Amino acid sequence: MLTLIQAAADSSAAAAPFSRFLTWMLPPAISTFAGPIDRLYYIVLIITGIAFFVVEGGLLWFCFKYRTQPGREAQYSVGGVTETVLKAIGIRPREPGGNVTSEPVIHKAHYIHGSARAEIIWTAIPAITVIILGLMSAGLWNHIKGRTSVPADAIAYGVRAKQFEWNVTYAGADGKLGTADDFTIRNQLHVPVGKNVLVNLTSEDAIHSFFVPAFRLRQDAVPGMLIRVWFQAMQPGTMELACSQLCGLGHYKMRAIVTVHTQQDYDAWLADQIAQHAQTVASR
């Protein structure tokens, strides 16, 4: 088992040079686990790409080798339904010498068992490949989605999805989510760079999906369930948060903005929002 895991890790490292030529396929990787996810994706893409060209190349070769040629005729096993069909379309059976006969000529089928060795090889290779890919992805999946994977120091946010918007709840002055001084902003998620972020994801009406392509992060939001998802952004910037689950007629416009701040800018933004919220509450 350890040997297979090591082989999986070596394969992941070996695929890194290929990923540089394929970066145009994906948006920039911003989160800490985006790199390992991309490498696994490229490995699967390369393996399936090789399989595609091998299979399609074999198909084209067989089409060329066994194409229709002058003097080459199909051998029919005549009798019963086949004989009736041939007569209906105007084809009369031929003798082995090629002369048309009025009587059916029976051509017995030649039974070919095949190659047990070839069957074992083309079954074993995909099976071993799938096992290795499973071992490679198991650790990464547990790191991202495991029940105990959320870091203890993660900053907590509440994200409630509804048709067709994202409502993001921030902790107020006490720094604790779920207290009276929390405030909510529509379609805006602001986080600090380099800090672990925990999103407590819920849905009000339908199944939505929290999807930030730059983070390589996707998690369904299910009514009646609280689902935790975490990430850490590696560089400041602005990116899109989309719903990747068809959730109704307005699904196309269910978008939000994720803004990754430097720590200083985030602290200033958060302090300003807390002050605005306090004024709003006081004026009621």
C-alpha atoms as a PDB file:
ATOM      1  CA  MET A   1       0.000   0.000   0.000  1.00  0.00           C
ATOM      2  CA  LEU A   2       2.778   2.444   0.917  1.00  0.00           C
ATOM      3  CA  THR A   3       4.499   1.654  -2.372  1.00  0.00           C
ATOM      4  CA  LEU A   4       1.348   2.544  -4.321  1.00  0.00           C
ATOM      5  CA  ILE A   5       0.947   5.792  -2.377  1.00  0.00           C
ATOM      6  CA  GLN A   6       4.565   6.727  -3.075  1.00  0.00           C
ATOM      7  CA  ALA A   7       4.071   5.900  -6.749  1.00  0.00           C
ATOM      8  CA  ALA A   8       1.013   8.123  -6.797  1.00  0.00           C
ATOM      9  CA  ALA A   9       2.980  10.984  -5.262  1.00  0.00           C
ATOM     10  CA  ASP A  10       5.818  10.508  -7.758  1.00  0.00           C
ATOM     11  CA  SER A  11       3.309  10.549 -10.632  1.00  0.00           C
ATOM     12  CA  SER A  12       1.831  13.808  -9.327  1.00  0.00           C
ATOM     13  CA  ALA A  13       5.271  15.418  -9.236  1.00  0.00           C
ATOM     14  CA  ALA A  14       6.105  14.091 -12.692  1.00  0.00           C
ATOM     15  CA  ALA A  15       2.971  15.662 -14.131  1.00  0.00           C
ATOM     16  CA  ALA A  16       3.926  19.153 -12.910  1.00  0.00           C
ATOM     17  CA  PRO A  17       5.965  20.075 -16.044  1.00  0.00           C
ATOM     18  CA  PHE A  18       3.022  19.164 -18.288  1.00  0.00           C
ATOM     19  CA  SER A  19       0.706  21.438 -16.306  1.00  0.00           C
ATOM     20  CA  ARG A  20       2.665  24.503 -17.412  1.00  0.00           C
ATOM     21  CA  PHE A  21       1.560  23.871 -20.988  1.00  0.00           C
ATOM     22  CA  LEU A  22      -2.098  23.474 -19.977  1.00  0.00           C
ATOM     23  CA  THR A  23      -2.618  26.477 -17.700  1.00  0.00           C
ATOM     24  CA  TRP A  24      -4.724  28.199 -20.374  1.00  0.00           C
ATOM     25  CA  MET A  25      -7.511  25.732 -19.587  1.00  0.00           C
ATOM     26  CA  LEU A  26      -8.120  26.933 -16.023  1.00  0.00           C
ATOM     27  CA  PRO A  27      -8.307  30.305 -14.254  1.00  0.00           C
ATOM     28  CA  PRO A  28      -5.388  31.375 -12.034  1.00  0.00           C
ATOM     29  CA  ALA A  29      -5.025  29.209  -8.930  1.00  0.00           C
ATOM     30  CA  ILE A  30      -5.542  31.383  -5.843  1.00  0.00           C
ATOM     31  CA  SER A  31      -6.147  29.001  -2.922  1.00  0.00           C
ATOM     32  CA  THR A  32      -3.645  26.793  -1.135  1.00  0.00           C
ATOM     33  CA  PHE A  33      -5.141  23.546  -2.398  1.00  0.00           C
ATOM     34  CA  ALA A  34      -5.722  24.729  -5.981  1.00  0.00           C
ATOM     35  CA  GLY A  35      -2.266  23.537  -7.075  1.00  0.00           C
ATOM     36  CA  PRO A  36      -2.705  19.889  -5.983  1.00  0.00           C
ATOM     37  CA  ILE A  37      -6.199  19.825  -7.493  1.00  0.00           C
ATOM     38  CA  ASP A  38      -4.852  21.127 -10.805  1.00  0.00           C
ATOM     39  CA  ARG A  39      -2.053  18.563 -10.875  1.00  0.00           C
ATOM     40  CA  LEU A  40      -4.521  15.732 -10.294  1.00  0.00           C
ATOM     41  CA  TYR A  41      -6.765  17.138 -13.022  1.00  0.00           C
ATOM     42  CA  TYR A  42      -3.881  17.291 -15.502  1.00  0.00           C
ATOM     43  CA  ILE A  43      -2.822  13.726 -14.686  1.00  0.00           C
ATOM     44  CA  VAL A  44      -6.360  12.454 -15.382  1.00  0.00           C
ATOM     45  CA  LEU A  45      -6.502  14.570 -18.543  1.00  0.00           C
ATOM     46  CA  ILE A  46      -3.199  13.171 -19.844  1.00  0.00           C
ATOM     47  CA  ILE A  47      -4.174   9.555 -19.089  1.00  0.00           C
ATOM     48  CA  THR A  48      -7.597   9.854 -20.711  1.00  0.00           C
ATOM     49  CA  GLY A  49      -6.079  11.784 -23.627  1.00  0.00           C
ATOM     50  CA  ILE A  50      -3.606   8.971 -24.317  1.00  0.00           C
ATOM     51  CA  ALA A  51      -6.404   6.389 -24.061  1.00  0.00           C
ATOM     52  CA  PHE A  52      -8.544   8.448 -26.463  1.00  0.00           C
ATOM     53  CA  PHE A  53      -5.868   8.654 -29.163  1.00  0.00           C
ATOM     54  CA  VAL A  54      -4.927   4.964 -28.795  1.00  0.00           C
ATOM     55  CA  VAL A  55      -8.554   3.810 -29.120  1.00  0.00           C
ATOM     56  CA  GLU A  56      -9.463   6.213 -31.927  1.00  0.00           C
ATOM     57  CA  GLY A  57      -6.194   5.447 -33.730  1.00  0.00           C
ATOM     58  CA  GLY A  58      -7.013   1.734 -33.587  1.00  0.00           C
ATOM     59  CA  LEU A  59     -10.522   2.411 -34.880  1.00  0.00           C
ATOM     60  CA  LEU A  60      -9.197   4.394 -37.847  1.00  0.00           C
ATOM     61  CA  TRP A  61      -6.584   1.712 -38.594  1.00  0.00           C
ATOM     62  CA  PHE A  62      -9.237  -1.041 -38.653  1.00  0.00           C
ATOM     63  CA  CYS A  63     -11.484   1.103 -40.859  1.00  0.00           C
ATOM     64  CA  PHE A  64      -8.612   1.537 -43.314  1.00  0.00           C
ATOM     65  CA  LYS A  65      -7.270  -2.015 -43.236  1.00  0.00           C
ATOM     66  CA  TYR A  66     -10.646  -3.714 -43.654  1.00  0.00           C
ATOM     67  CA  ARG A  67     -12.212  -1.199 -46.010  1.00  0.00           C
ATOM     68  CA  THR A  68     -14.130  -2.291 -49.104  1.00  0.00           C
ATOM     69  CA  GLN A  69     -11.817  -3.218 -51.990  1.00  0.00           C
ATOM     70  CA  PRO A  70     -12.380  -4.635 -55.496  1.00  0.00           C
ATOM     71  CA  GLY A  71     -12.600  -8.430 -55.360  1.00  0.00           C
ATOM     72  CA  ARG A  72     -13.245  -8.544 -51.634  1.00  0.00           C
ATOM     73  CA  GLU A  73     -16.705  -9.880 -50.769  1.00  0.00           C
ATOM     74  CA  ALA A  74     -18.369 -10.507 -47.474  1.00  0.00           C
ATOM     75  CA  GLN A  75     -18.923 -14.148 -46.494  1.00  0.00           C
ATOM     76  CA  TYR A  76     -22.529 -14.865 -45.571  1.00  0.00           C
ATOM     77  CA  SER A  77     -23.771 -17.697 -43.419  1.00  0.00           C
ATOM     78  CA  VAL A  78     -26.868 -18.498 -45.477  1.00  0.00           C
ATOM     79  CA  GLY A  79     -29.937 -20.153 -44.085  1.00  0.00           C
ATOM     80  CA  GLY A  80     -33.050 -19.273 -42.156  1.00  0.00           C
ATOM     81  CA  VAL A  81     -33.611 -15.570 -41.629  1.00  0.00           C
ATOM     82  CA  THR A  82     -30.308 -14.604 -43.303  1.00  0.00           C
ATOM     83  CA  GLU A  83     -31.235 -16.416 -46.534  1.00  0.00           C
ATOM     84  CA  THR A  84     -34.645 -14.718 -46.573  1.00  0.00           C
ATOM     85  CA  VAL A  85     -33.071 -11.291 -46.115  1.00  0.00           C
ATOM     86  CA  LEU A  86     -30.493 -11.896 -48.866  1.00  0.00           C
ATOM     87  CA  LYS A  87     -33.163 -12.977 -51.341  1.00  0.00           C
ATOM     88  CA  ALA A  88     -35.337  -9.987 -50.417  1.00  0.00           C
ATOM     89  CA  ILE A  89     -32.545  -7.561 -51.341  1.00  0.00           C
ATOM     90  CA  GLY A  90     -31.634  -9.455 -54.503  1.00  0.00           C
ATOM     91  CA  ILE A  91     -28.433 -11.204 -53.400  1.00  0.00           C
ATOM     92  CA  ARG A  92     -28.002 -14.850 -54.382  1.00  0.00           C
ATOM     93  CA  PRO A  93     -25.474 -17.013 -52.501  1.00  0.00           C
ATOM     94  CA  ARG A  94     -22.269 -17.983 -54.249  1.00  0.00           C
ATOM     95  CA  GLU A  95     -20.241 -21.163 -54.247  1.00  0.00           C
ATOM     96  CA  PRO A  96     -16.683 -21.043 -52.931  1.00  0.00           C
ATOM     97  CA  GLY A  97     -15.470 -20.606 -56.545  1.00  0.00           C
ATOM     98  CA  GLY A  98     -17.601 -17.503 -56.993  1.00  0.00           C
ATOM     99  CA  ASN A  99     -20.340 -18.955 -59.218  1.00  0.00           C
ATOM    100  CA  VAL A 100     -23.935 -18.110 -58.403  1.00  0.00           C
ATOM    101  CA  THR A 101     -25.897 -21.138 -57.236  1.00  0.00           C
ATOM    102  CA  SER A 102     -29.598 -21.697 -56.966  1.00  0.00           C
ATOM    103  CA  GLU A 103     -29.186 -23.564 -53.700  1.00  0.00           C
ATOM    104  CA  PRO A 104     -28.087 -22.052 -50.406  1.00  0.00           C
ATOM    105  CA  VAL A 105     -24.407 -22.513 -49.617  1.00  0.00           C
ATOM    106  CA  ILE A 106     -23.677 -22.859 -45.931  1.00  0.00           C
ATOM    107  CA  HIS A 107     -20.542 -21.025 -44.754  1.00  0.00           C
ATOM    108  CA  LYS A 108     -19.813 -22.094 -41.227  1.00  0.00           C
ATOM    109  CA  ALA A 109     -18.688 -19.392 -38.833  1.00  0.00           C
ATOM    110  CA  HIS A 110     -15.091 -19.575 -37.650  1.00  0.00           C
ATOM    111  CA  TYR A 111     -15.016 -19.313 -33.869  1.00  0.00           C
ATOM    112  CA  ILE A 112     -12.123 -17.315 -32.413  1.00  0.00           C
ATOM    113  CA  HIS A 113     -11.695 -17.414 -28.651  1.00  0.00           C
ATOM    114  CA  GLY A 114      -9.416 -14.405 -28.453  1.00  0.00           C
ATOM    115  CA  SER A 115      -6.400 -13.810 -26.230  1.00  0.00           C
ATOM    116  CA  ALA A 116      -6.676 -14.315 -22.492  1.00  0.00           C
ATOM    117  CA  ARG A 117      -3.388 -12.448 -22.033  1.00  0.00           C
ATOM    118  CA  ALA A 118      -4.645  -9.394 -23.943  1.00  0.00           C
ATOM    119  CA  GLU A 119      -7.918  -9.395 -21.998  1.00  0.00           C
ATOM    120  CA  ILE A 120      -6.065  -9.509 -18.666  1.00  0.00           C
ATOM    121  CA  ILE A 121      -3.743  -6.688 -19.727  1.00  0.00           C
ATOM    122  CA  TRP A 122      -6.445  -4.316 -20.956  1.00  0.00           C
ATOM    123  CA  THR A 123      -8.489  -5.013 -17.809  1.00  0.00           C
ATOM    124  CA  ALA A 124      -5.622  -4.787 -15.315  1.00  0.00           C
ATOM    125  CA  ILE A 125      -4.110  -1.529 -16.624  1.00  0.00           C
ATOM    126  CA  PRO A 126      -7.321   0.551 -16.215  1.00  0.00           C
ATOM    127  CA  ALA A 127      -8.016  -1.079 -12.830  1.00  0.00           C
ATOM    128  CA  ILE A 128      -4.533  -0.255 -11.497  1.00  0.00           C
ATOM    129  CA  THR A 129      -4.757   3.257 -12.934  1.00  0.00           C
ATOM    130  CA  VAL A 130      -8.080   3.911 -11.196  1.00  0.00           C
ATOM    131  CA  ILE A 131      -6.697   2.579  -7.879  1.00  0.00           C
ATOM    132  CA  ILE A 132      -3.642   4.853  -8.103  1.00  0.00           C
ATOM    133  CA  LEU A 133      -5.800   7.870  -8.954  1.00  0.00           C
ATOM    134  CA  GLY A 134      -8.033   7.015  -6.004  1.00  0.00           C
ATOM    135  CA  LEU A 135      -5.027   6.900  -3.661  1.00  0.00           C
ATOM    136  CA  MET A 136      -3.764  10.193  -5.048  1.00  0.00           C
ATOM    137  CA  SER A 137      -7.101  11.918  -4.532  1.00  0.00           C
ATOM    138  CA  ALA A 138      -7.989  10.376  -1.147  1.00  0.00           C
ATOM    139  CA  GLY A 139      -5.528  12.452   0.865  1.00  0.00           C
ATOM    140  CA  LEU A 140      -6.427  15.649  -0.968  1.00  0.00           C
ATOM    141  CA  TRP A 141     -10.151  15.001  -0.522  1.00  0.00           C
ATOM    142  CA  ASN A 142      -9.686  14.403   3.196  1.00  0.00           C
ATOM    143  CA  HIS A 143      -7.604  17.579   3.506  1.00  0.00           C
ATOM    144  CA  ILE A 144     -10.347  19.674   1.890  1.00  0.00           C
ATOM    145  CA  LYS A 145     -13.576  17.862   2.768  1.00  0.00           C
ATOM    146  CA  GLY A 146     -12.697  15.739   5.798  1.00  0.00           C
ATOM    147  CA  ARG A 147     -14.808  16.107   8.936  1.00  0.00           C
ATOM    148  CA  THR A 148     -11.821  17.320  10.944  1.00  0.00           C
ATOM    149  CA  SER A 149     -10.118  19.195   8.130  1.00  0.00           C
ATOM    150  CA  VAL A 150     -11.258  22.712   9.065  1.00  0.00           C
ATOM    151  CA  PRO A 151      -8.369  24.550  10.796  1.00  0.00           C
ATOM    152  CA  ALA A 152      -9.075  25.630  14.368  1.00  0.00           C
ATOM    153  CA  ASP A 153      -8.008  29.221  13.651  1.00  0.00           C
ATOM    154  CA  ALA A 154     -10.329  29.704  10.665  1.00  0.00           C
ATOM    155  CA  ILE A 155     -12.315  32.947  10.483  1.00  0.00           C
ATOM    156  CA  ALA A 156     -16.009  32.044  10.387  1.00  0.00           C
ATOM    157  CA  TYR A 157     -18.564  33.488   7.962  1.00  0.00           C
ATOM    158  CA  GLY A 158     -22.166  32.600   7.330  1.00  0.00           C
ATOM    159  CA  VAL A 159     -23.326  32.279   3.720  1.00  0.00           C
ATOM    160  CA  ARG A 160     -27.041  31.789   3.080  1.00  0.00           C
ATOM    161  CA  ALA A 161     -28.043  31.046  -0.505  1.00  0.00           C
ATOM    162  CA  LYS A 162     -31.475  31.920  -1.860  1.00  0.00           C
ATOM    163  CA  GLN A 163     -33.015  32.526  -5.265  1.00  0.00           C
ATOM    164  CA  PHE A 164     -31.028  34.283  -6.634  1.00  0.00           C
ATOM    165  CA  GLU A 165     -28.456  35.823  -4.313  1.00  0.00           C
ATOM    166  CA  TRP A 166     -25.804  35.131  -1.700  1.00  0.00           C
ATOM    167  CA  ASN A 167     -26.237  36.670   1.767  1.00  0.00           C
ATOM    168  CA  VAL A 168     -22.942  36.815   3.653  1.00  0.00           C
ATOM    169  CA  THR A 169     -22.979  37.263   7.436  1.00  0.00           C
ATOM    170  CA  TYR A 170     -19.926  38.660   9.229  1.00  0.00           C
ATOM    171  CA  ALA A 171     -19.054  38.641  12.924  1.00  0.00           C
ATOM    172  CA  GLY A 172     -19.452  42.019  14.569  1.00  0.00           C
ATOM    173  CA  ALA A 173     -17.292  43.811  17.115  1.00  0.00           C
ATOM    174  CA  ASP A 174     -17.164  40.782  19.431  1.00  0.00           C
ATOM    175  CA  GLY A 175     -15.525  38.709  16.692  1.00  0.00           C
ATOM    176  CA  LYS A 176     -18.007  35.867  17.158  1.00  0.00           C
ATOM    177  CA  LEU A 177     -20.427  34.658  14.523  1.00  0.00           C
ATOM    178  CA  GLY A 178     -24.004  34.073  15.638  1.00  0.00           C
ATOM    179  CA  THR A 179     -24.342  36.961  18.087  1.00  0.00           C
ATOM    180  CA  ALA A 180     -26.492  40.090  18.071  1.00  0.00           C
ATOM    181  CA  ASP A 181     -23.901  42.374  16.498  1.00  0.00           C
ATOM    182  CA  ASP A 182     -23.491  40.281  13.320  1.00  0.00           C
ATOM    183  CA  PHE A 183     -24.217  42.055  10.051  1.00  0.00           C
ATOM    184  CA  THR A 184     -25.130  40.755   6.588  1.00  0.00           C
ATOM    185  CA  ILE A 185     -24.081  42.003   3.158  1.00  0.00           C
ATOM    186  CA  ARG A 186     -25.663  40.855  -0.077  1.00  0.00           C
ATOM    187  CA  ASN A 187     -23.458  39.305  -2.787  1.00  0.00           C
ATOM    188  CA  GLN A 188     -20.146  40.363  -1.246  1.00  0.00           C
ATOM    189  CA  LEU A 189     -17.621  38.095   0.451  1.00  0.00           C
ATOM    190  CA  HIS A 190     -14.568  39.882   1.867  1.00  0.00           C
ATOM    191  CA  VAL A 191     -11.710  37.810   3.308  1.00  0.00           C
ATOM    192  CA  PRO A 192      -8.084  38.470   4.343  1.00  0.00           C
ATOM    193  CA  VAL A 193      -5.208  36.994   2.378  1.00  0.00           C
ATOM    194  CA  GLY A 194      -3.204  34.188   3.960  1.00  0.00           C
ATOM    195  CA  LYS A 195      -5.820  33.358   6.597  1.00  0.00           C
ATOM    196  CA  ASN A 196      -7.960  30.247   6.878  1.00  0.00           C
ATOM    197  CA  VAL A 197     -11.593  31.006   6.115  1.00  0.00           C
ATOM    198  CA  LEU A 198     -14.592  28.910   7.194  1.00  0.00           C
ATOM    199  CA  VAL A 199     -17.893  29.300   5.358  1.00  0.00           C
ATOM    200  CA  ASN A 200     -20.981  27.969   7.136  1.00  0.00           C
ATOM    201  CA  LEU A 201     -23.143  27.268   4.116  1.00  0.00           C
ATOM    202  CA  THR A 202     -26.946  27.047   4.172  1.00  0.00           C
ATOM    203  CA  SER A 203     -29.778  27.377   1.653  1.00  0.00           C
ATOM    204  CA  GLU A 204     -33.183  28.970   2.069  1.00  0.00           C
ATOM    205  CA  ASP A 205     -35.131  27.449  -0.808  1.00  0.00           C
ATOM    206  CA  ALA A 206     -33.427  25.191  -3.360  1.00  0.00           C
ATOM    207  CA  ILE A 207     -30.147  23.357  -3.869  1.00  0.00           C
ATOM    208  CA  HIS A 208     -27.502  25.911  -4.804  1.00  0.00           C
ATOM    209  CA  SER A 209     -23.769  25.423  -5.255  1.00  0.00           C
ATOM    210  CA  PHE A 210     -21.049  27.659  -3.821  1.00  0.00           C
ATOM    211  CA  PHE A 211     -18.455  27.797  -6.607  1.00  0.00           C
ATOM    212  CA  VAL A 212     -15.303  29.931  -6.739  1.00  0.00           C
ATOM    213  CA  PRO A 213     -13.283  28.746  -9.765  1.00  0.00           C
ATOM    214  CA  ALA A 214     -10.102  30.569  -8.698  1.00  0.00           C
ATOM    215  CA  PHE A 215     -10.154  28.656  -5.385  1.00  0.00           C
ATOM    216  CA  ARG A 216     -11.026  25.335  -7.092  1.00  0.00           C
ATOM    217  CA  LEU A 217     -13.812  25.210  -4.537  1.00  0.00           C
ATOM    218  CA  ARG A 218     -17.320  23.903  -5.057  1.00  0.00           C
ATOM    219  CA  GLN A 219     -19.853  22.853  -2.441  1.00  0.00           C
ATOM    220  CA  ASP A 220     -23.606  22.323  -2.685  1.00  0.00           C
ATOM    221  CA  ALA A 221     -25.861  24.285  -0.323  1.00  0.00           C
ATOM    222  CA  VAL A 222     -28.802  22.085   0.681  1.00  0.00           C
ATOM    223  CA  PRO A 223     -31.974  23.322   2.414  1.00  0.00           C
ATOM    224  CA  GLY A 224     -32.149  22.144   6.018  1.00  0.00           C
ATOM    225  CA  MET A 225     -28.406  21.405   6.242  1.00  0.00           C
ATOM    226  CA  LEU A 226     -25.432  23.360   7.579  1.00  0.00           C
ATOM    227  CA  ILE A 227     -22.364  22.499   5.518  1.00  0.00           C
ATOM    228  CA  ARG A 228     -18.907  23.741   6.386  1.00  0.00           C
ATOM    229  CA  VAL A 229     -16.351  24.530   3.698  1.00  0.00           C
ATOM    230  CA  TRP A 230     -12.975  26.208   4.110  1.00  0.00           C
ATOM    231  CA  PHE A 231     -10.162  27.707   2.058  1.00  0.00           C
ATOM    232  CA  GLN A 232      -7.155  29.983   2.280  1.00  0.00           C
ATOM    233  CA  ALA A 233      -6.547  32.619  -0.401  1.00  0.00           C
ATOM    234  CA  MET A 234      -2.914  33.151  -1.339  1.00  0.00           C
ATOM    235  CA  GLN A 235      -3.030  36.560  -3.006  1.00  0.00           C
ATOM    236  CA  PRO A 236      -5.212  39.681  -2.973  1.00  0.00           C
ATOM    237  CA  GLY A 237      -7.676  40.241  -5.780  1.00  0.00           C
ATOM    238  CA  THR A 238     -11.276  40.140  -6.903  1.00  0.00           C
ATOM    239  CA  MET A 239     -12.957  37.028  -8.272  1.00  0.00           C
ATOM    240  CA  GLU A 240     -16.387  35.613  -8.979  1.00  0.00           C
ATOM    241  CA  LEU A 241     -18.580  33.497  -6.744  1.00  0.00           C
ATOM    242  CA  ALA A 242     -21.177  31.710  -8.856  1.00  0.00           C
ATOM    243  CA  CYS A 243     -23.965  29.205  -8.330  1.00  0.00           C
ATOM    244  CA  SER A 244     -23.073  26.112 -10.355  1.00  0.00           C
ATOM    245  CA  GLN A 245     -26.345  24.285  -9.674  1.00  0.00           C
ATOM    246  CA  LEU A 246     -29.394  25.024 -11.814  1.00  0.00           C
ATOM    247  CA  CYS A 247     -31.702  26.590  -9.229  1.00  0.00           C
ATOM    248  CA  GLY A 248     -34.459  28.332 -11.192  1.00  0.00           C
ATOM    249  CA  LEU A 249     -35.163  30.850 -13.938  1.00  0.00           C
ATOM    250  CA  GLY A 250     -32.803  33.434 -12.441  1.00  0.00           C
ATOM    251  CA  HIS A 251     -29.908  31.003 -12.008  1.00  0.00           C
ATOM    252  CA  TYR A 252     -27.793  32.870 -14.574  1.00  0.00           C
ATOM    253  CA  LYS A 253     -27.681  36.027 -12.445  1.00  0.00           C
ATOM    254  CA  MET A 254     -26.852  34.388  -9.098  1.00  0.00           C
ATOM    255  CA  ARG A 255     -23.382  35.854  -8.774  1.00  0.00           C
ATOM    256  CA  ALA A 256     -21.358  37.488  -6.026  1.00  0.00           C
ATOM    257  CA  ILE A 257     -17.947  39.097  -5.709  1.00  0.00           C
ATOM    258  CA  VAL A 258     -15.171  37.653  -3.557  1.00  0.00           C
ATOM    259  CA  THR A 259     -12.625  40.260  -2.536  1.00  0.00           C
ATOM    260  CA  VAL A 260      -9.347  39.110  -0.999  1.00  0.00           C
ATOM    261  CA  HIS A 261      -7.737  41.947   0.982  1.00  0.00           C
ATOM    262  CA  THR A 262      -4.375  42.400   2.570  1.00  0.00           C
ATOM    263  CA  GLN A 263      -4.701  42.094   6.333  1.00  0.00           C
ATOM    264  CA  GLN A 264      -4.443  45.869   6.799  1.00  0.00           C
ATOM    265  CA  ASP A 265      -7.090  46.618   4.180  1.00  0.00           C
ATOM    266  CA  TYR A 266      -9.361  43.911   5.554  1.00  0.00           C
ATOM    267  CA  ASP A 267      -9.124  45.271   9.090  1.00  0.00           C
ATOM    268  CA  ALA A 268      -9.962  48.769   7.837  1.00  0.00           C
ATOM    269  CA  TRP A 269     -12.889  47.503   5.741  1.00  0.00           C
ATOM    270  CA  LEU A 270     -14.271  45.418   8.610  1.00  0.00           C
ATOM    271  CA  ALA A 271     -13.992  48.284  11.113  1.00  0.00           C
ATOM    272  CA  ASP A 272     -15.852  50.582   8.711  1.00  0.00           C
ATOM    273  CA  GLN A 273     -18.636  48.031   8.194  1.00  0.00           C
ATOM    274  CA  ILE A 274     -18.999  47.438  11.943  1.00  0.00           C
ATOM    275  CA  ALA A 275     -19.283  51.193  12.517  1.00  0.00           C
ATOM    276  CA  GLN A 276     -21.911  51.554   9.781  1.00  0.00           C
ATOM    277  CA  HIS A 277     -23.903  48.660  11.201  1.00  0.00           C
ATOM    278  CA  ALA A 278     -23.770  50.133  14.712  1.00  0.00           C
ATOM    279  CA  GLN A 279     -25.071  53.457  13.397  1.00  0.00           C
ATOM    280  CA  THR A 280     -27.888  51.733  11.551  1.00  0.00           C
ATOM    281  CA  VAL A 281     -28.924  49.825  14.662  1.00  0.00           C
ATOM    282  CA  ALA A 282     -28.731  52.955  16.819  1.00  0.00           C
ATOM    283  CA  SER A 283     -30.918  54.943  14.422  1.00  0.00           C
ATOM    284  CA  ARG A 284     -33.770  52.446  14.553  1.00  0.00           C
END
